[in-house]
Amino acid sequence: MSPDEYCQQKAAQSGSSFYYSFLFLPQEKRRAITALYAFCREVDDIVDEIADDMVARSKLAWWRKELQAMLNGEPTHPVTKAMQPHMVTFDLQPQHLMAIIDGMEMDLNQSRYLDFNGLKNYCWHVAGVVGVLSASIFGISNPQTKDFAEKLGLALQMTNIIRDVGEDARKGRIYLPVNELQQFQVKAADILNARHTPEFTQLMQFQYERACQLYEDAMNTLPKEDRRAQRTGLMMAAIYRSVLEEVKLDGFRVLQHKIKLTPIRKLWLAWKTYIRG
């Protein structure tokens, strides 16, 4: 299996909404974004699937060394082998890749965030920098497009957090800010024990409204001249906003189950966004 085939398999197996938007890219850009996504999956899976803290930290440390080896022209992993040719072509910044690993390590260091500013810092590491790296691959002519990508990354990550409250709670994590739980009189124990209360619904409505505003802020930041190049990001936004709306229509019952769109609906949303240009 070639490095590109490995990354393709990693992306396809994940079932992620991102995968469907990649299908519309030209070959070289598709190979680059697939390699980047495979890297994100590799380090994310370490935190999600390895129960032993020390083992997880050791594996993340290995990936830091592997990134440095890639920069020195000596990658050993299929993902870094696939990613290396694209670093210069698309001006991908190594510090952004390192920041992603920092974000994964944050999950090992804390499972709560006191306020939204603290949560935003986490989101920047695991999603904002991914947005900027992705936008660089898609094509940037106006530097403001990086602001759009960073804001979109935050909106996408907040959608993930809203959708995955129950799933994260089962891992002992609550990403919703502590001061907002207090504001809406929601007890952490209610979330950890999957007790859906009227107060929890109000809290989630607040999160939903903020996420909608984050999408609007991102869209208002995208320069007109880069809109066509950034269609893949817009496809991601269309898919994730649909997830957000489904969560709302379901009454924010995210503690009991996880909302998912069918593959055909994801593909249709991506196609609809693509033909709009």
C-alpha atoms as a PDB file:
ATOM      1  CA  MET A   1       0.000   0.000   0.000  1.00  0.00           C
ATOM      2  CA  SER A   2       1.396   3.403  -0.988  1.00  0.00           C
ATOM      3  CA  PRO A   3       1.437   6.330   1.486  1.00  0.00           C
ATOM      4  CA  ASP A   4      -1.377   8.028  -0.462  1.00  0.00           C
ATOM      5  CA  GLU A   5      -3.452   4.839  -0.411  1.00  0.00           C
ATOM      6  CA  TYR A   6      -2.897   4.523   3.346  1.00  0.00           C
ATOM      7  CA  CYS A   7      -4.169   8.076   3.888  1.00  0.00           C
ATOM      8  CA  GLN A   8      -7.112   7.500   1.560  1.00  0.00           C
ATOM      9  CA  GLN A   9      -8.088   4.401   3.518  1.00  0.00           C
ATOM     10  CA  LYS A  10      -7.709   6.234   6.827  1.00  0.00           C
ATOM     11  CA  ALA A  11      -9.967   9.045   5.636  1.00  0.00           C
ATOM     12  CA  ALA A  12     -12.595   6.764   4.116  1.00  0.00           C
ATOM     13  CA  GLN A  13     -12.778   4.490   7.179  1.00  0.00           C
ATOM     14  CA  SER A  14     -13.462   7.408   9.500  1.00  0.00           C
ATOM     15  CA  GLY A  15     -16.815   8.138   7.845  1.00  0.00           C
ATOM     16  CA  SER A  16     -16.175  11.820   8.497  1.00  0.00           C
ATOM     17  CA  SER A  17     -18.191  14.542   6.815  1.00  0.00           C
ATOM     18  CA  PHE A  18     -14.911  16.056   5.653  1.00  0.00           C
ATOM     19  CA  TYR A  19     -14.240  13.122   3.353  1.00  0.00           C
ATOM     20  CA  TYR A  20     -17.216  13.929   1.127  1.00  0.00           C
ATOM     21  CA  SER A  21     -16.030  17.480   0.489  1.00  0.00           C
ATOM     22  CA  PHE A  22     -12.548  16.265  -0.511  1.00  0.00           C
ATOM     23  CA  LEU A  23     -13.991  14.351  -3.462  1.00  0.00           C
ATOM     24  CA  PHE A  24     -14.519  17.561  -5.447  1.00  0.00           C
ATOM     25  CA  LEU A  25     -10.889  18.735  -5.319  1.00  0.00           C
ATOM     26  CA  PRO A  26      -8.287  18.418  -8.094  1.00  0.00           C
ATOM     27  CA  GLN A  27      -6.004  15.418  -7.609  1.00  0.00           C
ATOM     28  CA  GLU A  28      -2.964  17.102  -6.011  1.00  0.00           C
ATOM     29  CA  LYS A  29      -5.055  19.128  -3.583  1.00  0.00           C
ATOM     30  CA  ARG A  30      -7.119  16.058  -2.769  1.00  0.00           C
ATOM     31  CA  ARG A  31      -3.953  14.103  -1.994  1.00  0.00           C
ATOM     32  CA  ALA A  32      -2.651  16.920   0.229  1.00  0.00           C
ATOM     33  CA  ILE A  33      -5.851  17.419   2.226  1.00  0.00           C
ATOM     34  CA  THR A  34      -6.313  13.665   2.614  1.00  0.00           C
ATOM     35  CA  ALA A  35      -2.784  13.370   4.028  1.00  0.00           C
ATOM     36  CA  LEU A  36      -3.467  16.238   6.426  1.00  0.00           C
ATOM     37  CA  TYR A  37      -6.744  14.681   7.523  1.00  0.00           C
ATOM     38  CA  ALA A  38      -5.043  11.290   8.019  1.00  0.00           C
ATOM     39  CA  PHE A  39      -2.463  12.991  10.254  1.00  0.00           C
ATOM     40  CA  CYS A  40      -5.245  14.551  12.337  1.00  0.00           C
ATOM     41  CA  ARG A  41      -6.943  11.164  12.634  1.00  0.00           C
ATOM     42  CA  GLU A  42      -3.722   9.448  13.707  1.00  0.00           C
ATOM     43  CA  VAL A  43      -3.053  11.807  16.615  1.00  0.00           C
ATOM     44  CA  ASP A  44      -6.733  12.138  17.570  1.00  0.00           C
ATOM     45  CA  ASP A  45      -7.119   8.362  17.735  1.00  0.00           C
ATOM     46  CA  ILE A  46      -4.250   8.197  20.229  1.00  0.00           C
ATOM     47  CA  VAL A  47      -6.188  10.271  22.757  1.00  0.00           C
ATOM     48  CA  ASP A  48      -9.562   8.661  22.013  1.00  0.00           C
ATOM     49  CA  GLU A  49      -8.497   5.021  21.944  1.00  0.00           C
ATOM     50  CA  ILE A  50      -5.584   4.660  24.382  1.00  0.00           C
ATOM     51  CA  ALA A  51      -6.660   4.509  28.021  1.00  0.00           C
ATOM     52  CA  ASP A  52      -3.157   4.624  29.505  1.00  0.00           C
ATOM     53  CA  ASP A  53      -2.090   8.266  29.861  1.00  0.00           C
ATOM     54  CA  MET A  54       1.630   7.537  29.706  1.00  0.00           C
ATOM     55  CA  VAL A  55       1.295   5.439  26.554  1.00  0.00           C
ATOM     56  CA  ALA A  56      -0.757   8.180  24.881  1.00  0.00           C
ATOM     57  CA  ARG A  57       1.810  10.838  25.794  1.00  0.00           C
ATOM     58  CA  SER A  58       4.612   8.634  24.518  1.00  0.00           C
ATOM     59  CA  LYS A  59       2.864   8.160  21.173  1.00  0.00           C
ATOM     60  CA  LEU A  60       2.217  11.902  20.809  1.00  0.00           C
ATOM     61  CA  ALA A  61       5.909  12.511  21.570  1.00  0.00           C
ATOM     62  CA  TRP A  62       6.767  10.029  18.812  1.00  0.00           C
ATOM     63  CA  TRP A  63       4.653  12.029  16.364  1.00  0.00           C
ATOM     64  CA  ARG A  64       6.509  15.227  17.299  1.00  0.00           C
ATOM     65  CA  LYS A  65       9.776  13.485  16.408  1.00  0.00           C
ATOM     66  CA  GLU A  66       8.242  12.086  13.243  1.00  0.00           C
ATOM     67  CA  LEU A  67       7.178  15.578  12.103  1.00  0.00           C
ATOM     68  CA  GLN A  68      10.730  16.786  12.660  1.00  0.00           C
ATOM     69  CA  ALA A  69      12.028  13.798  10.707  1.00  0.00           C
ATOM     70  CA  MET A  70       9.666  14.735   7.860  1.00  0.00           C
ATOM     71  CA  LEU A  71      10.983  18.305   7.876  1.00  0.00           C
ATOM     72  CA  ASN A  72      14.514  16.882   7.709  1.00  0.00           C
ATOM     73  CA  GLY A  73      13.517  14.828   4.673  1.00  0.00           C
ATOM     74  CA  GLU A  74      13.444  11.499   6.525  1.00  0.00           C
ATOM     75  CA  PRO A  75       9.794  10.560   7.175  1.00  0.00           C
ATOM     76  CA  THR A  76       9.131   6.957   8.234  1.00  0.00           C
ATOM     77  CA  HIS A  77       5.324   6.830   8.592  1.00  0.00           C
ATOM     78  CA  PRO A  78       2.980   6.562   5.561  1.00  0.00           C
ATOM     79  CA  VAL A  79       1.181   9.766   6.622  1.00  0.00           C
ATOM     80  CA  THR A  80       4.319  11.905   6.834  1.00  0.00           C
ATOM     81  CA  LYS A  81       5.609  10.348   3.616  1.00  0.00           C
ATOM     82  CA  ALA A  82       2.356  11.385   1.931  1.00  0.00           C
ATOM     83  CA  MET A  83       2.361  14.849   3.481  1.00  0.00           C
ATOM     84  CA  GLN A  84       6.014  15.783   2.859  1.00  0.00           C
ATOM     85  CA  PRO A  85       5.725  16.713  -0.865  1.00  0.00           C
ATOM     86  CA  HIS A  86       2.901  19.139  -0.094  1.00  0.00           C
ATOM     87  CA  MET A  87       4.575  21.134   2.701  1.00  0.00           C
ATOM     88  CA  VAL A  88       6.325  23.569   0.361  1.00  0.00           C
ATOM     89  CA  THR A  89       3.794  23.378  -2.491  1.00  0.00           C
ATOM     90  CA  PHE A  90       0.963  24.640  -0.284  1.00  0.00           C
ATOM     91  CA  ASP A  91       3.038  26.622   2.244  1.00  0.00           C
ATOM     92  CA  LEU A  92       2.006  24.419   5.161  1.00  0.00           C
ATOM     93  CA  GLN A  93       3.533  25.695   8.395  1.00  0.00           C
ATOM     94  CA  PRO A  94       5.186  23.055  10.633  1.00  0.00           C
ATOM     95  CA  GLN A  95       4.228  24.959  13.789  1.00  0.00           C
ATOM     96  CA  HIS A  96       0.575  24.458  12.902  1.00  0.00           C
ATOM     97  CA  LEU A  97       1.050  20.700  12.721  1.00  0.00           C
ATOM     98  CA  MET A  98       2.814  20.802  16.096  1.00  0.00           C
ATOM     99  CA  ALA A  99      -0.066  22.873  17.482  1.00  0.00           C
ATOM    100  CA  ILE A 100      -2.494  20.087  16.545  1.00  0.00           C
ATOM    101  CA  ILE A 101      -0.479  17.662  18.689  1.00  0.00           C
ATOM    102  CA  ASP A 102      -0.486  20.257  21.494  1.00  0.00           C
ATOM    103  CA  GLY A 103      -4.281  20.295  21.254  1.00  0.00           C
ATOM    104  CA  MET A 104      -4.477  16.524  21.541  1.00  0.00           C
ATOM    105  CA  GLU A 105      -2.242  16.697  24.599  1.00  0.00           C
ATOM    106  CA  MET A 106      -4.636  19.202  26.145  1.00  0.00           C
ATOM    107  CA  ASP A 107      -7.196  16.387  26.257  1.00  0.00           C
ATOM    108  CA  LEU A 108      -4.782  14.432  28.440  1.00  0.00           C
ATOM    109  CA  ASN A 109      -4.233  17.409  30.746  1.00  0.00           C
ATOM    110  CA  GLN A 110      -7.792  18.606  31.346  1.00  0.00           C
ATOM    111  CA  SER A 111     -11.395  17.526  30.869  1.00  0.00           C
ATOM    112  CA  ARG A 112     -13.108  20.808  31.790  1.00  0.00           C
ATOM    113  CA  TYR A 113     -12.874  24.454  30.633  1.00  0.00           C
ATOM    114  CA  LEU A 114     -13.787  27.266  32.982  1.00  0.00           C
ATOM    115  CA  ASP A 115     -15.036  29.677  30.310  1.00  0.00           C
ATOM    116  CA  PHE A 116     -15.450  30.102  26.583  1.00  0.00           C
ATOM    117  CA  ASN A 117     -12.085  31.829  26.186  1.00  0.00           C
ATOM    118  CA  GLY A 118     -10.364  28.738  27.546  1.00  0.00           C
ATOM    119  CA  LEU A 119     -12.442  26.516  25.273  1.00  0.00           C
ATOM    120  CA  LYS A 120     -11.615  28.729  22.273  1.00  0.00           C
ATOM    121  CA  ASN A 121      -7.918  28.202  22.921  1.00  0.00           C
ATOM    122  CA  TYR A 122      -8.460  24.438  22.825  1.00  0.00           C
ATOM    123  CA  CYS A 123     -10.550  24.756  19.645  1.00  0.00           C
ATOM    124  CA  TRP A 124      -7.816  26.800  17.973  1.00  0.00           C
ATOM    125  CA  HIS A 125      -5.331  24.001  18.541  1.00  0.00           C
ATOM    126  CA  VAL A 126      -7.534  21.141  17.350  1.00  0.00           C
ATOM    127  CA  ALA A 127      -9.567  22.945  14.663  1.00  0.00           C
ATOM    128  CA  GLY A 128      -8.516  26.551  13.969  1.00  0.00           C
ATOM    129  CA  VAL A 129      -5.025  25.620  12.776  1.00  0.00           C
ATOM    130  CA  VAL A 130      -6.496  22.733  10.784  1.00  0.00           C
ATOM    131  CA  GLY A 131      -8.729  25.291   9.089  1.00  0.00           C
ATOM    132  CA  VAL A 132      -5.755  27.473   8.184  1.00  0.00           C
ATOM    133  CA  LEU A 133      -3.759  24.499   6.872  1.00  0.00           C
ATOM    134  CA  SER A 134      -6.750  23.354   4.830  1.00  0.00           C
ATOM    135  CA  ALA A 135      -7.360  26.827   3.406  1.00  0.00           C
ATOM    136  CA  SER A 136      -3.716  26.977   2.311  1.00  0.00           C
ATOM    137  CA  ILE A 137      -4.247  23.774   0.353  1.00  0.00           C
ATOM    138  CA  PHE A 138      -7.525  24.971  -1.184  1.00  0.00           C
ATOM    139  CA  GLY A 139      -5.944  28.258  -2.309  1.00  0.00           C
ATOM    140  CA  ILE A 140      -5.519  31.721  -0.795  1.00  0.00           C
ATOM    141  CA  SER A 141      -5.056  34.999  -2.631  1.00  0.00           C
ATOM    142  CA  ASN A 142      -6.243  37.322   0.162  1.00  0.00           C
ATOM    143  CA  PRO A 143      -4.616  36.956   3.625  1.00  0.00           C
ATOM    144  CA  GLN A 144      -8.030  37.600   5.228  1.00  0.00           C
ATOM    145  CA  THR A 145      -9.041  34.132   4.056  1.00  0.00           C
ATOM    146  CA  LYS A 146      -6.911  32.700   6.882  1.00  0.00           C
ATOM    147  CA  ASP A 147      -9.177  34.547   9.351  1.00  0.00           C
ATOM    148  CA  PHE A 148     -12.177  32.948   7.659  1.00  0.00           C
ATOM    149  CA  ALA A 149     -10.574  29.507   7.928  1.00  0.00           C
ATOM    150  CA  GLU A 150      -9.752  29.953  11.599  1.00  0.00           C
ATOM    151  CA  LYS A 151     -13.284  31.130  12.407  1.00  0.00           C
ATOM    152  CA  LEU A 152     -14.821  28.314  10.406  1.00  0.00           C
ATOM    153  CA  GLY A 153     -12.640  25.848  12.284  1.00  0.00           C
ATOM    154  CA  LEU A 154     -14.055  27.176  15.561  1.00  0.00           C
ATOM    155  CA  ALA A 155     -17.632  26.875  14.255  1.00  0.00           C
ATOM    156  CA  LEU A 156     -17.059  23.298  13.096  1.00  0.00           C
ATOM    157  CA  GLN A 157     -15.463  22.307  16.387  1.00  0.00           C
ATOM    158  CA  MET A 158     -18.295  23.841  18.408  1.00  0.00           C
ATOM    159  CA  THR A 159     -20.722  21.817  16.295  1.00  0.00           C
ATOM    160  CA  ASN A 160     -18.734  18.705  17.179  1.00  0.00           C
ATOM    161  CA  ILE A 161     -18.836  19.615  20.860  1.00  0.00           C
ATOM    162  CA  ILE A 162     -22.611  20.181  20.777  1.00  0.00           C
ATOM    163  CA  ARG A 163     -23.256  16.948  18.882  1.00  0.00           C
ATOM    164  CA  ASP A 164     -20.910  14.864  21.035  1.00  0.00           C
ATOM    165  CA  VAL A 165     -21.841  15.990  24.571  1.00  0.00           C
ATOM    166  CA  GLY A 166     -23.072  12.519  25.529  1.00  0.00           C
ATOM    167  CA  GLU A 167     -20.232  10.650  23.831  1.00  0.00           C
ATOM    168  CA  ASP A 168     -17.624  12.893  25.477  1.00  0.00           C
ATOM    169  CA  ALA A 169     -19.327  12.557  28.870  1.00  0.00           C
ATOM    170  CA  ARG A 170     -18.973   8.794  28.638  1.00  0.00           C
ATOM    171  CA  LYS A 171     -15.216   9.400  28.379  1.00  0.00           C
ATOM    172  CA  GLY A 172     -15.365  11.663  31.433  1.00  0.00           C
ATOM    173  CA  ARG A 173     -15.046  14.905  29.455  1.00  0.00           C
ATOM    174  CA  ILE A 174     -17.300  17.949  29.453  1.00  0.00           C
ATOM    175  CA  TYR A 175     -16.221  20.624  26.992  1.00  0.00           C
ATOM    176  CA  LEU A 176     -19.117  23.000  27.704  1.00  0.00           C
ATOM    177  CA  PRO A 177     -17.673  25.832  29.830  1.00  0.00           C
ATOM    178  CA  VAL A 178     -18.123  25.482  33.594  1.00  0.00           C
ATOM    179  CA  ASN A 179     -19.391  29.050  34.022  1.00  0.00           C
ATOM    180  CA  GLU A 180     -22.087  28.429  31.409  1.00  0.00           C
ATOM    181  CA  LEU A 181     -23.210  25.247  33.171  1.00  0.00           C
ATOM    182  CA  GLN A 182     -23.516  27.378  36.302  1.00  0.00           C
ATOM    183  CA  GLN A 183     -25.349  30.125  34.408  1.00  0.00           C
ATOM    184  CA  PHE A 184     -28.031  27.677  33.266  1.00  0.00           C
ATOM    185  CA  GLN A 185     -27.989  25.697  36.527  1.00  0.00           C
ATOM    186  CA  VAL A 186     -26.886  22.479  34.881  1.00  0.00           C
ATOM    187  CA  LYS A 187     -24.976  20.070  37.107  1.00  0.00           C
ATOM    188  CA  ALA A 188     -21.979  18.232  35.701  1.00  0.00           C
ATOM    189  CA  ALA A 189     -23.402  15.071  37.266  1.00  0.00           C
ATOM    190  CA  ASP A 190     -26.533  15.423  35.112  1.00  0.00           C
ATOM    191  CA  ILE A 191     -24.404  15.418  31.965  1.00  0.00           C
ATOM    192  CA  LEU A 192     -22.166  12.578  33.137  1.00  0.00           C
ATOM    193  CA  ASN A 193     -25.242  10.510  34.019  1.00  0.00           C
ATOM    194  CA  ALA A 194     -27.155  11.425  30.830  1.00  0.00           C
ATOM    195  CA  ARG A 195     -30.008  13.202  32.636  1.00  0.00           C
ATOM    196  CA  HIS A 196     -31.745  15.457  30.132  1.00  0.00           C
ATOM    197  CA  THR A 197     -33.324  18.354  32.050  1.00  0.00           C
ATOM    198  CA  PRO A 198     -35.143  21.540  30.955  1.00  0.00           C
ATOM    199  CA  GLU A 199     -32.087  23.457  32.121  1.00  0.00           C
ATOM    200  CA  PHE A 200     -29.870  21.351  29.867  1.00  0.00           C
ATOM    201  CA  THR A 201     -32.121  22.151  26.895  1.00  0.00           C
ATOM    202  CA  GLN A 202     -31.737  25.873  27.621  1.00  0.00           C
ATOM    203  CA  LEU A 203     -27.958  25.476  27.876  1.00  0.00           C
ATOM    204  CA  MET A 204     -27.854  23.699  24.531  1.00  0.00           C
ATOM    205  CA  GLN A 205     -30.068  26.305  22.881  1.00  0.00           C
ATOM    206  CA  PHE A 206     -27.501  28.882  24.004  1.00  0.00           C
ATOM    207  CA  GLN A 207     -24.683  26.783  22.499  1.00  0.00           C
ATOM    208  CA  TYR A 208     -26.667  26.343  19.278  1.00  0.00           C
ATOM    209  CA  GLU A 209     -27.246  30.092  18.891  1.00  0.00           C
ATOM    210  CA  ARG A 210     -23.586  30.856  19.465  1.00  0.00           C
ATOM    211  CA  ALA A 211     -22.519  28.226  16.922  1.00  0.00           C
ATOM    212  CA  CYS A 212     -24.884  29.746  14.343  1.00  0.00           C
ATOM    213  CA  GLN A 213     -23.303  33.145  14.981  1.00  0.00           C
ATOM    214  CA  LEU A 214     -19.827  31.650  14.586  1.00  0.00           C
ATOM    215  CA  TYR A 215     -20.783  30.348  11.128  1.00  0.00           C
ATOM    216  CA  GLU A 216     -22.163  33.771  10.180  1.00  0.00           C
ATOM    217  CA  ASP A 217     -18.983  35.493  11.390  1.00  0.00           C
ATOM    218  CA  ALA A 218     -16.872  33.106   9.333  1.00  0.00           C
ATOM    219  CA  MET A 219     -18.919  33.574   6.160  1.00  0.00           C
ATOM    220  CA  ASN A 220     -18.820  37.347   6.530  1.00  0.00           C
ATOM    221  CA  THR A 221     -15.017  37.190   6.732  1.00  0.00           C
ATOM    222  CA  LEU A 222     -14.443  35.204   3.519  1.00  0.00           C
ATOM    223  CA  PRO A 223     -13.163  37.529   0.768  1.00  0.00           C
ATOM    224  CA  LYS A 224     -15.175  37.338  -2.426  1.00  0.00           C
ATOM    225  CA  GLU A 225     -12.115  36.624  -4.568  1.00  0.00           C
ATOM    226  CA  ASP A 226     -11.336  33.439  -2.604  1.00  0.00           C
ATOM    227  CA  ARG A 227     -14.867  32.076  -2.360  1.00  0.00           C
ATOM    228  CA  ARG A 228     -14.462  29.713  -5.327  1.00  0.00           C
ATOM    229  CA  ALA A 229     -11.125  28.366  -4.085  1.00  0.00           C
ATOM    230  CA  GLN A 230     -12.569  27.784  -0.623  1.00  0.00           C
ATOM    231  CA  ARG A 231     -15.617  25.837  -1.808  1.00  0.00           C
ATOM    232  CA  THR A 232     -14.408  22.738   0.019  1.00  0.00           C
ATOM    233  CA  GLY A 233     -14.520  24.643   3.315  1.00  0.00           C
ATOM    234  CA  LEU A 234     -17.990  25.878   2.412  1.00  0.00           C
ATOM    235  CA  MET A 235     -19.050  22.262   1.763  1.00  0.00           C
ATOM    236  CA  MET A 236     -17.850  21.335   5.246  1.00  0.00           C
ATOM    237  CA  ALA A 237     -19.825  24.246   6.658  1.00  0.00           C
ATOM    238  CA  ALA A 238     -22.986  23.165   4.819  1.00  0.00           C
ATOM    239  CA  ILE A 239     -22.723  19.614   6.142  1.00  0.00           C
ATOM    240  CA  TYR A 240     -21.948  20.620   9.716  1.00  0.00           C
ATOM    241  CA  ARG A 241     -24.668  23.267   9.810  1.00  0.00           C
ATOM    242  CA  SER A 242     -27.118  20.584   8.770  1.00  0.00           C
ATOM    243  CA  VAL A 243     -25.891  18.432  11.660  1.00  0.00           C
ATOM    244  CA  LEU A 244     -26.404  21.389  13.983  1.00  0.00           C
ATOM    245  CA  GLU A 245     -29.969  21.865  12.737  1.00  0.00           C
ATOM    246  CA  GLU A 246     -30.704  18.154  13.171  1.00  0.00           C
ATOM    247  CA  VAL A 247     -29.486  18.339  16.770  1.00  0.00           C
ATOM    248  CA  LYS A 248     -31.884  21.230  17.393  1.00  0.00           C
ATOM    249  CA  LEU A 249     -34.791  19.444  15.677  1.00  0.00           C
ATOM    250  CA  ASP A 250     -34.090  16.420  17.887  1.00  0.00           C
ATOM    251  CA  GLY A 251     -34.581  18.598  20.964  1.00  0.00           C
ATOM    252  CA  PHE A 252     -30.869  18.550  21.889  1.00  0.00           C
ATOM    253  CA  ARG A 253     -31.127  14.937  23.080  1.00  0.00           C
ATOM    254  CA  VAL A 254     -27.388  14.558  22.607  1.00  0.00           C
ATOM    255  CA  LEU A 255     -26.892  12.830  25.968  1.00  0.00           C
ATOM    256  CA  GLN A 256     -28.675   9.720  24.745  1.00  0.00           C
ATOM    257  CA  HIS A 257     -27.441   9.385  21.169  1.00  0.00           C
ATOM    258  CA  LYS A 258     -25.339  10.964  18.439  1.00  0.00           C
ATOM    259  CA  ILE A 259     -26.889  12.643  15.416  1.00  0.00           C
ATOM    260  CA  LYS A 260     -25.457  11.511  12.078  1.00  0.00           C
ATOM    261  CA  LEU A 261     -26.289  12.398   8.490  1.00  0.00           C
ATOM    262  CA  THR A 262     -26.494   9.645   5.895  1.00  0.00           C
ATOM    263  CA  PRO A 263     -23.618   9.443   3.377  1.00  0.00           C
ATOM    264  CA  ILE A 264     -25.980  10.291   0.508  1.00  0.00           C
ATOM    265  CA  ARG A 265     -27.162  13.447   2.299  1.00  0.00           C
ATOM    266  CA  LYS A 266     -23.570  14.533   2.977  1.00  0.00           C
ATOM    267  CA  LEU A 267     -22.726  14.007  -0.671  1.00  0.00           C
ATOM    268  CA  TRP A 268     -25.821  15.917  -1.784  1.00  0.00           C
ATOM    269  CA  LEU A 269     -24.992  18.865   0.502  1.00  0.00           C
ATOM    270  CA  ALA A 270     -21.414  18.904  -0.796  1.00  0.00           C
ATOM    271  CA  TRP A 271     -22.598  18.774  -4.415  1.00  0.00           C
ATOM    272  CA  LYS A 272     -25.178  21.507  -3.893  1.00  0.00           C
ATOM    273  CA  THR A 273     -22.522  23.779  -2.405  1.00  0.00           C
ATOM    274  CA  TYR A 274     -20.059  22.943  -5.183  1.00  0.00           C
ATOM    275  CA  ILE A 275     -22.383  23.859  -8.048  1.00  0.00           C
ATOM    276  CA  ARG A 276     -23.252  27.175  -6.404  1.00  0.00           C
ATOM    277  CA  GLY A 277     -19.624  28.147  -6.931  1.00  0.00           C
END
